PDB file of all heavy atoms in Angstrom:
ATOM      1  N   LYS A   1     104.863  98.691  69.203  1.00  0.00           N
ATOM      2  CA  LYS A   1     105.785  97.977  70.079  1.00  0.00           C
ATOM      3  C   LYS A   1     105.593  98.241  71.568  1.00  0.00           C
ATOM      4  O   LYS A   1     106.142  97.516  72.404  1.00  0.00           O
ATOM      5  CB  LYS A   1     107.229  98.337  69.709  1.00  0.00           C
ATOM      6  CG  LYS A   1     107.624  97.943  68.293  1.00  0.00           C
ATOM      7  CD  LYS A   1     109.054  98.351  67.981  1.00  0.00           C
ATOM      8  CE  LYS A   1     109.440  97.981  66.550  1.00  0.00           C
ATOM      9  NZ  LYS A   1     109.432  96.510  66.353  1.00  0.00           N
ATOM     10  N   THR A   2     104.864  99.287  71.916  1.00  0.00           N
ATOM     11  CA  THR A   2     104.753  99.655  73.326  1.00  0.00           C
ATOM     12  C   THR A   2     103.303  99.943  73.701  1.00  0.00           C
ATOM     13  O   THR A   2     102.415 100.022  72.842  1.00  0.00           O
ATOM     14  CB  THR A   2     105.612 100.893  73.652  1.00  0.00           C
ATOM     15  OG1 THR A   2     104.999 102.058  73.071  1.00  0.00           O
ATOM     16  CG2 THR A   2     107.032 100.740  73.129  1.00  0.00           C
ATOM     17  N   VAL A   3     103.104 100.123  74.989  1.00  0.00           N
ATOM     18  CA  VAL A   3     101.784 100.435  75.517  1.00  0.00           C
ATOM     19  C   VAL A   3     101.962 101.228  76.801  1.00  0.00           C
ATOM     20  O   VAL A   3     103.021 101.152  77.448  1.00  0.00           O
ATOM     21  CB  VAL A   3     100.979  99.141  75.786  1.00  0.00           C
ATOM     22  CG1 VAL A   3     101.600  98.344  76.932  1.00  0.00           C
ATOM     23  CG2 VAL A   3      99.521  99.432  76.067  1.00  0.00           C
ATOM     24  N   ILE A   4     100.979 102.009  77.145  1.00  0.00           N
ATOM     25  CA  ILE A   4     100.945 102.645  78.460  1.00  0.00           C
ATOM     26  C   ILE A   4      99.778 102.007  79.193  1.00  0.00           C
ATOM     27  O   ILE A   4      98.610 102.357  78.990  1.00  0.00           O
ATOM     28  CB  ILE A   4     100.780 104.174  78.339  1.00  0.00           C
ATOM     29  CG1 ILE A   4     101.989 104.755  77.602  1.00  0.00           C
ATOM     30  CG2 ILE A   4     100.643 104.810  79.721  1.00  0.00           C
ATOM     31  CD1 ILE A   4     101.846 106.199  77.218  1.00  0.00           C
ATOM     32  N   ASP A   5     100.101 101.014  79.987  1.00  0.00           N
ATOM     33  CA  ASP A   5      99.099 100.142  80.596  1.00  0.00           C
ATOM     34  C   ASP A   5      98.844 100.578  82.031  1.00  0.00           C
ATOM     35  O   ASP A   5      99.698 100.420  82.902  1.00  0.00           O
ATOM     36  CB  ASP A   5      99.591  98.693  80.558  1.00  0.00           C
ATOM     37  CG  ASP A   5      98.506  97.714  80.961  1.00  0.00           C
ATOM     38  OD1 ASP A   5      97.327  98.118  81.019  1.00  0.00           O
ATOM     39  OD2 ASP A   5      98.834  96.546  81.235  1.00  0.00           O
ATOM     40  N   LEU A   6      97.680 101.120  82.286  1.00  0.00           N
ATOM     41  CA  LEU A   6      97.318 101.633  83.609  1.00  0.00           C
ATOM     42  C   LEU A   6      96.587 100.576  84.423  1.00  0.00           C
ATOM     43  O   LEU A   6      95.847  99.755  83.871  1.00  0.00           O
ATOM     44  CB  LEU A   6      96.421 102.859  83.462  1.00  0.00           C
ATOM     45  CG  LEU A   6      97.045 104.045  82.737  1.00  0.00           C
ATOM     46  CD1 LEU A   6      95.974 104.999  82.276  1.00  0.00           C
ATOM     47  CD2 LEU A   6      98.043 104.745  83.655  1.00  0.00           C
ATOM     48  N   PRO A   7      96.776 100.567  85.742  1.00  0.00           N
ATOM     49  CA  PRO A   7      96.025  99.617  86.569  1.00  0.00           C
ATOM     50  C   PRO A   7      94.532  99.921  86.531  1.00  0.00           C
ATOM     51  O   PRO A   7      94.125 101.089  86.513  1.00  0.00           O
ATOM     52  CB  PRO A   7      96.608  99.826  87.971  1.00  0.00           C
ATOM     53  CG  PRO A   7      97.227 101.185  87.938  1.00  0.00           C
ATOM     54  CD  PRO A   7      97.694 101.402  86.534  1.00  0.00           C
ATOM     55  N   GLN A   8      93.739  98.879  86.510  1.00  0.00           N
ATOM     56  CA  GLN A   8      92.282  99.041  86.443  1.00  0.00           C
ATOM     57  C   GLN A   8      91.731  99.359  87.821  1.00  0.00           C
ATOM     58  O   GLN A   8      92.081  98.728  88.814  1.00  0.00           O
ATOM     59  CB  GLN A   8      91.632  97.756  85.924  1.00  0.00           C
ATOM     60  CG  GLN A   8      90.109  97.839  85.851  1.00  0.00           C
ATOM     61  CD  GLN A   8      89.481  96.525  85.428  1.00  0.00           C
ATOM     62  OE1 GLN A   8      90.182  95.579  85.086  1.00  0.00           O
ATOM     63  NE2 GLN A   8      88.163  96.455  85.467  1.00  0.00           N
ATOM     64  N   VAL A   9      90.850 100.354  87.884  1.00  0.00           N
ATOM     65  CA  VAL A   9      90.197 100.733  89.133  1.00  0.00           C
ATOM     66  C   VAL A   9      88.945  99.881  89.301  1.00  0.00           C
ATOM     67  O   VAL A   9      88.037  99.914  88.468  1.00  0.00           O
ATOM     68  CB  VAL A   9      89.836 102.228  89.148  1.00  0.00           C
ATOM     69  CG1 VAL A   9      89.147 102.596  90.455  1.00  0.00           C
ATOM     70  CG2 VAL A   9      91.081 103.073  88.950  1.00  0.00           C
ATOM     71  N   LEU A  10      88.897  99.133  90.387  1.00  0.00           N
ATOM     72  CA  LEU A  10      87.743  98.277  90.661  1.00  0.00           C
ATOM     73  C   LEU A  10      86.646  99.005  91.416  1.00  0.00           C
ATOM     74  O   LEU A  10      85.466  98.711  91.234  1.00  0.00           O
ATOM     75  CB  LEU A  10      88.189  97.041  91.454  1.00  0.00           C
ATOM     76  CG  LEU A  10      89.203  96.123  90.761  1.00  0.00           C
ATOM     77  CD1 LEU A  10      89.588  94.977  91.693  1.00  0.00           C
ATOM     78  CD2 LEU A  10      88.630  95.586  89.450  1.00  0.00           C
ATOM     79  N   SER A  11      87.047  99.937  92.286  1.00  0.00           N
ATOM     80  CA  SER A  11      86.032 100.664  93.061  1.00  0.00           C
ATOM     81  C   SER A  11      86.631 101.940  93.635  1.00  0.00           C
ATOM     82  O   SER A  11      87.849 102.080  93.739  1.00  0.00           O
ATOM     83  CB  SER A  11      85.480  99.802  94.197  1.00  0.00           C
ATOM     84  OG  SER A  11      86.487  99.509  95.151  1.00  0.00           O
ATOM     85  N   GLN A  12      85.746 102.851  93.988  1.00  0.00           N
ATOM     86  CA  GLN A  12      86.125 104.080  94.681  1.00  0.00           C
ATOM     87  C   GLN A  12      85.167 104.284  95.839  1.00  0.00           C
ATOM     88  O   GLN A  12      83.953 104.120  95.702  1.00  0.00           O
ATOM     89  CB  GLN A  12      86.071 105.288  93.736  1.00  0.00           C
ATOM     90  CG  GLN A  12      86.316 106.624  94.442  1.00  0.00           C
ATOM     91  CD  GLN A  12      86.298 107.812  93.503  1.00  0.00           C
ATOM     92  OE1 GLN A  12      86.799 107.749  92.375  1.00  0.00           O
ATOM     93  NE2 GLN A  12      85.715 108.918  93.957  1.00  0.00           N
ATOM     94  N   HIS A  13      85.716 104.636  97.000  1.00  0.00           N
ATOM     95  CA  HIS A  13      84.902 104.923  98.177  1.00  0.00           C
ATOM     96  C   HIS A  13      85.257 106.300  98.696  1.00  0.00           C
ATOM     97  O   HIS A  13      86.432 106.637  98.821  1.00  0.00           O
ATOM     98  CB  HIS A  13      85.132 103.871  99.268  1.00  0.00           C
ATOM     99  CG  HIS A  13      84.729 102.489  98.857  1.00  0.00           C
ATOM    100  ND1 HIS A  13      83.426 102.036  98.911  1.00  0.00           N
ATOM    101  CD2 HIS A  13      85.461 101.466  98.366  1.00  0.00           C
ATOM    102  CE1 HIS A  13      83.375 100.784  98.481  1.00  0.00           C
ATOM    103  NE2 HIS A  13      84.591 100.418  98.148  1.00  0.00           N
ATOM    104  N   ASP A  14      84.234 107.092  98.989  1.00  0.00           N
ATOM    105  CA  ASP A  14      84.415 108.457  99.453  1.00  0.00           C
ATOM    106  C   ASP A  14      83.999 108.578 100.901  1.00  0.00           C
ATOM    107  O   ASP A  14      82.872 108.207 101.267  1.00  0.00           O
ATOM    108  CB  ASP A  14      83.600 109.418  98.595  1.00  0.00           C
ATOM    109  CG  ASP A  14      84.046 109.408  97.144  1.00  0.00           C
ATOM    110  OD1 ASP A  14      83.647 108.487  96.407  1.00  0.00           O
ATOM    111  OD2 ASP A  14      84.795 110.310  96.757  1.00  0.00           O
ATOM    112  N   SER A  15      84.901 109.120 101.719  1.00  0.00           N
ATOM    113  CA  SER A  15      84.621 109.303 103.139  1.00  0.00           C
ATOM    114  C   SER A  15      83.896 110.621 103.378  1.00  0.00           C
ATOM    115  O   SER A  15      83.998 111.565 102.583  1.00  0.00           O
ATOM    116  CB  SER A  15      85.931 109.280 103.928  1.00  0.00           C
ATOM    117  OG  SER A  15      85.742 109.708 105.259  1.00  0.00           O
ATOM    118  N   ALA A  16      83.207 110.688 104.493  1.00  0.00           N
ATOM    119  CA  ALA A  16      82.529 111.928 104.867  1.00  0.00           C
ATOM    120  C   ALA A  16      83.513 113.061 105.101  1.00  0.00           C
ATOM    121  O   ALA A  16      83.158 114.233 104.996  1.00  0.00           O
ATOM    122  CB  ALA A  16      81.680 111.697 106.122  1.00  0.00           C
ATOM    123  N   ASP A  17      84.790 112.719 105.419  1.00  0.00           N
ATOM    124  CA  ASP A  17      85.775 113.772 105.681  1.00  0.00           C
ATOM    125  C   ASP A  17      86.558 114.175 104.438  1.00  0.00           C
ATOM    126  O   ASP A  17      87.514 114.938 104.520  1.00  0.00           O
ATOM    127  CB  ASP A  17      86.730 113.354 106.808  1.00  0.00           C
ATOM    128  CG  ASP A  17      87.603 112.155 106.464  1.00  0.00           C
ATOM    129  OD1 ASP A  17      87.751 111.831 105.264  1.00  0.00           O
ATOM    130  OD2 ASP A  17      88.135 111.528 107.396  1.00  0.00           O
ATOM    131  N   GLY A  18      86.171 113.664 103.267  1.00  0.00           N
ATOM    132  CA  GLY A  18      86.822 114.026 102.018  1.00  0.00           C
ATOM    133  C   GLY A  18      87.875 113.043 101.545  1.00  0.00           C
ATOM    134  O   GLY A  18      88.363 113.133 100.420  1.00  0.00           O
ATOM    135  N   THR A  19      88.238 112.087 102.392  1.00  0.00           N
ATOM    136  CA  THR A  19      89.201 111.064 102.009  1.00  0.00           C
ATOM    137  C   THR A  19      88.600 110.173 100.922  1.00  0.00           C
ATOM    138  O   THR A  19      87.413 109.870 100.947  1.00  0.00           O
ATOM    139  CB  THR A  19      89.583 110.214 103.239  1.00  0.00           C
ATOM    140  OG1 THR A  19      90.172 111.070 104.220  1.00  0.00           O
ATOM    141  CG2 THR A  19      90.563 109.120 102.880  1.00  0.00           C
ATOM    142  N   ILE A  20      89.452 109.759  99.977  1.00  0.00           N
ATOM    143  CA  ILE A  20      89.013 108.888  98.891  1.00  0.00           C
ATOM    144  C   ILE A  20      89.883 107.643  98.876  1.00  0.00           C
ATOM    145  O   ILE A  20      91.115 107.728  98.981  1.00  0.00           O
ATOM    146  CB  ILE A  20      89.115 109.595  97.522  1.00  0.00           C
ATOM    147  CG1 ILE A  20      88.291 110.888  97.520  1.00  0.00           C
ATOM    148  CG2 ILE A  20      88.656 108.672  96.395  1.00  0.00           C
ATOM    149  CD1 ILE A  20      88.502 111.734  96.272  1.00  0.00           C
ATOM    150  N   LYS A  21      89.264 106.485  98.749  1.00  0.00           N
ATOM    151  CA  LYS A  21      90.008 105.230  98.649  1.00  0.00           C
ATOM    152  C   LYS A  21      89.674 104.552  97.332  1.00  0.00           C
ATOM    153  O   LYS A  21      88.513 104.399  96.966  1.00  0.00           O
ATOM    154  CB  LYS A  21      89.662 104.293  99.813  1.00  0.00           C
ATOM    155  CG  LYS A  21      90.425 102.966  99.754  1.00  0.00           C
ATOM    156  CD  LYS A  21      90.182 102.106 100.994  1.00  0.00           C
ATOM    157  CE  LYS A  21      88.813 101.464 101.002  1.00  0.00           C
ATOM    158  NZ  LYS A  21      88.663 100.492 102.105  1.00  0.00           N
ATOM    159  N   TRP A  22      90.739 104.130  96.615  1.00  0.00           N
ATOM    160  CA  TRP A  22      90.566 103.382  95.374  1.00  0.00           C
ATOM    161  C   TRP A  22      91.073 101.957  95.559  1.00  0.00           C
ATOM    162  O   TRP A  22      92.093 101.731  96.227  1.00  0.00           O
ATOM    163  CB  TRP A  22      91.345 104.030  94.236  1.00  0.00           C
ATOM    164  CG  TRP A  22      90.826 105.369  93.820  1.00  0.00           C
ATOM    165  CD1 TRP A  22      89.696 105.634  93.108  1.00  0.00           C
ATOM    166  CD2 TRP A  22      91.426 106.637  94.083  1.00  0.00           C
ATOM    167  NE1 TRP A  22      89.556 106.985  92.915  1.00  0.00           N
ATOM    168  CE2 TRP A  22      90.605 107.626  93.505  1.00  0.00           C
ATOM    169  CE3 TRP A  22      92.591 107.037  94.756  1.00  0.00           C
ATOM    170  CZ2 TRP A  22      90.905 108.983  93.578  1.00  0.00           C
ATOM    171  CZ3 TRP A  22      92.889 108.386  94.833  1.00  0.00           C
ATOM    172  CH2 TRP A  22      92.056 109.340  94.255  1.00  0.00           C
ATOM    173  N   LEU A  23      90.385 101.033  94.938  1.00  0.00           N
ATOM    174  CA  LEU A  23      90.817  99.641  94.892  1.00  0.00           C
ATOM    175  C   LEU A  23      91.278  99.353  93.472  1.00  0.00           C
ATOM    176  O   LEU A  23      90.511  99.488  92.516  1.00  0.00           O
ATOM    177  CB  LEU A  23      89.664  98.707  95.279  1.00  0.00           C
ATOM    178  CG  LEU A  23      89.991  97.215  95.380  1.00  0.00           C
ATOM    179  CD1 LEU A  23      90.902  96.949  96.577  1.00  0.00           C
ATOM    180  CD2 LEU A  23      88.705  96.387  95.501  1.00  0.00           C
ATOM    181  N   PHE A  24      92.556  98.950  93.325  1.00  0.00           N
ATOM    182  CA  PHE A  24      93.149  98.697  92.019  1.00  0.00           C
ATOM    183  C   PHE A  24      93.329  97.200  91.794  1.00  0.00           C
ATOM    184  O   PHE A  24      93.862  96.494  92.658  1.00  0.00           O
ATOM    185  CB  PHE A  24      94.521  99.373  91.905  1.00  0.00           C
ATOM    186  CG  PHE A  24      94.475 100.874  91.890  1.00  0.00           C
ATOM    187  CD1 PHE A  24      94.600 101.593  93.069  1.00  0.00           C
ATOM    188  CD2 PHE A  24      94.304 101.563  90.705  1.00  0.00           C
ATOM    189  CE1 PHE A  24      94.572 102.982  93.063  1.00  0.00           C
ATOM    190  CE2 PHE A  24      94.266 102.952  90.677  1.00  0.00           C
ATOM    191  CZ  PHE A  24      94.395 103.662  91.868  1.00  0.00           C
ATOM    192  N   GLU A  25      92.906  96.732  90.622  1.00  0.00           N
ATOM    193  CA  GLU A  25      93.084  95.329  90.251  1.00  0.00           C
ATOM    194  C   GLU A  25      94.560  95.047  90.027  1.00  0.00           C
ATOM    195  O   GLU A  25      95.274  95.838  89.419  1.00  0.00           O
ATOM    196  CB  GLU A  25      92.291  95.050  88.974  1.00  0.00           C
ATOM    197  CG  GLU A  25      92.148  93.578  88.628  1.00  0.00           C
ATOM    198  CD  GLU A  25      93.299  93.079  87.780  1.00  0.00           C
ATOM    199  OE1 GLU A  25      93.936  93.919  87.107  1.00  0.00           O
ATOM    200  OE2 GLU A  25      93.563  91.871  87.794  1.00  0.00           O
ATOM    201  N   SER A  26      95.030  93.916  90.558  1.00  0.00           N
ATOM    202  CA  SER A  26      96.438  93.567  90.379  1.00  0.00           C
ATOM    203  C   SER A  26      96.621  92.134  89.894  1.00  0.00           C
ATOM    204  O   SER A  26      97.667  91.535  90.097  1.00  0.00           O
ATOM    205  CB  SER A  26      97.215  93.789  91.694  1.00  0.00           C
ATOM    206  OG  SER A  26      96.617  93.098  92.764  1.00  0.00           O
ATOM    207  N   GLY A  27      95.605  91.599  89.241  1.00  0.00           N
ATOM    208  CA  GLY A  27      95.742  90.305  88.567  1.00  0.00           C
ATOM    209  C   GLY A  27      95.393  89.113  89.421  1.00  0.00           C
ATOM    210  O   GLY A  27      95.645  89.078  90.616  1.00  0.00           O
ATOM    211  N   PHE A  28      94.788  88.113  88.795  1.00  0.00           N
ATOM    212  CA  PHE A  28      94.507  86.818  89.414  1.00  0.00           C
ATOM    213  C   PHE A  28      93.710  86.949  90.715  1.00  0.00           C
ATOM    214  O   PHE A  28      93.985  86.281  91.718  1.00  0.00           O
ATOM    215  CB  PHE A  28      95.818  86.052  89.673  1.00  0.00           C
ATOM    216  CG  PHE A  28      96.648  85.848  88.442  1.00  0.00           C
ATOM    217  CD1 PHE A  28      97.743  86.654  88.204  1.00  0.00           C
ATOM    218  CD2 PHE A  28      96.304  84.885  87.504  1.00  0.00           C
ATOM    219  CE1 PHE A  28      98.502  86.490  87.052  1.00  0.00           C
ATOM    220  CE2 PHE A  28      97.058  84.713  86.351  1.00  0.00           C
ATOM    221  CZ  PHE A  28      98.159  85.515  86.131  1.00  0.00           C
ATOM    222  N   GLY A  29      92.735  87.841  90.694  1.00  0.00           N
ATOM    223  CA  GLY A  29      91.862  87.999  91.850  1.00  0.00           C
ATOM    224  C   GLY A  29      92.432  88.834  92.968  1.00  0.00           C
ATOM    225  O   GLY A  29      91.822  88.946  94.033  1.00  0.00           O
ATOM    226  N   GLN A  30      93.601  89.451  92.751  1.00  0.00           N
ATOM    227  CA  GLN A  30      94.230  90.278  93.771  1.00  0.00           C
ATOM    228  C   GLN A  30      93.853  91.748  93.552  1.00  0.00           C
ATOM    229  O   GLN A  30      93.529  92.163  92.446  1.00  0.00           O
ATOM    230  CB  GLN A  30      95.752  90.154  93.718  1.00  0.00           C
ATOM    231  CG  GLN A  30      96.293  88.757  93.482  1.00  0.00           C
ATOM    232  CD  GLN A  30      96.015  87.833  94.632  1.00  0.00           C
ATOM    233  OE1 GLN A  30      96.068  88.233  95.778  1.00  0.00           O
ATOM    234  NE2 GLN A  30      95.708  86.588  94.331  1.00  0.00           N
ATOM    235  N   ALA A  31      93.958  92.532  94.617  1.00  0.00           N
ATOM    236  CA  ALA A  31      93.706  93.964  94.501  1.00  0.00           C
ATOM    237  C   ALA A  31      94.443  94.701  95.619  1.00  0.00           C
ATOM    238  O   ALA A  31      94.677  94.150  96.692  1.00  0.00           O
ATOM    239  CB  ALA A  31      92.208  94.265  94.581  1.00  0.00           C
TER     240      ALA A  31
END
């Protein structure tokens, strides 16, 4: 009856200073 549905990660970018950015899919071509 249930699910634990996590957002899909489309990409990860790593900065030279250690910062990390993720792009999450949010449906219908949005992110």
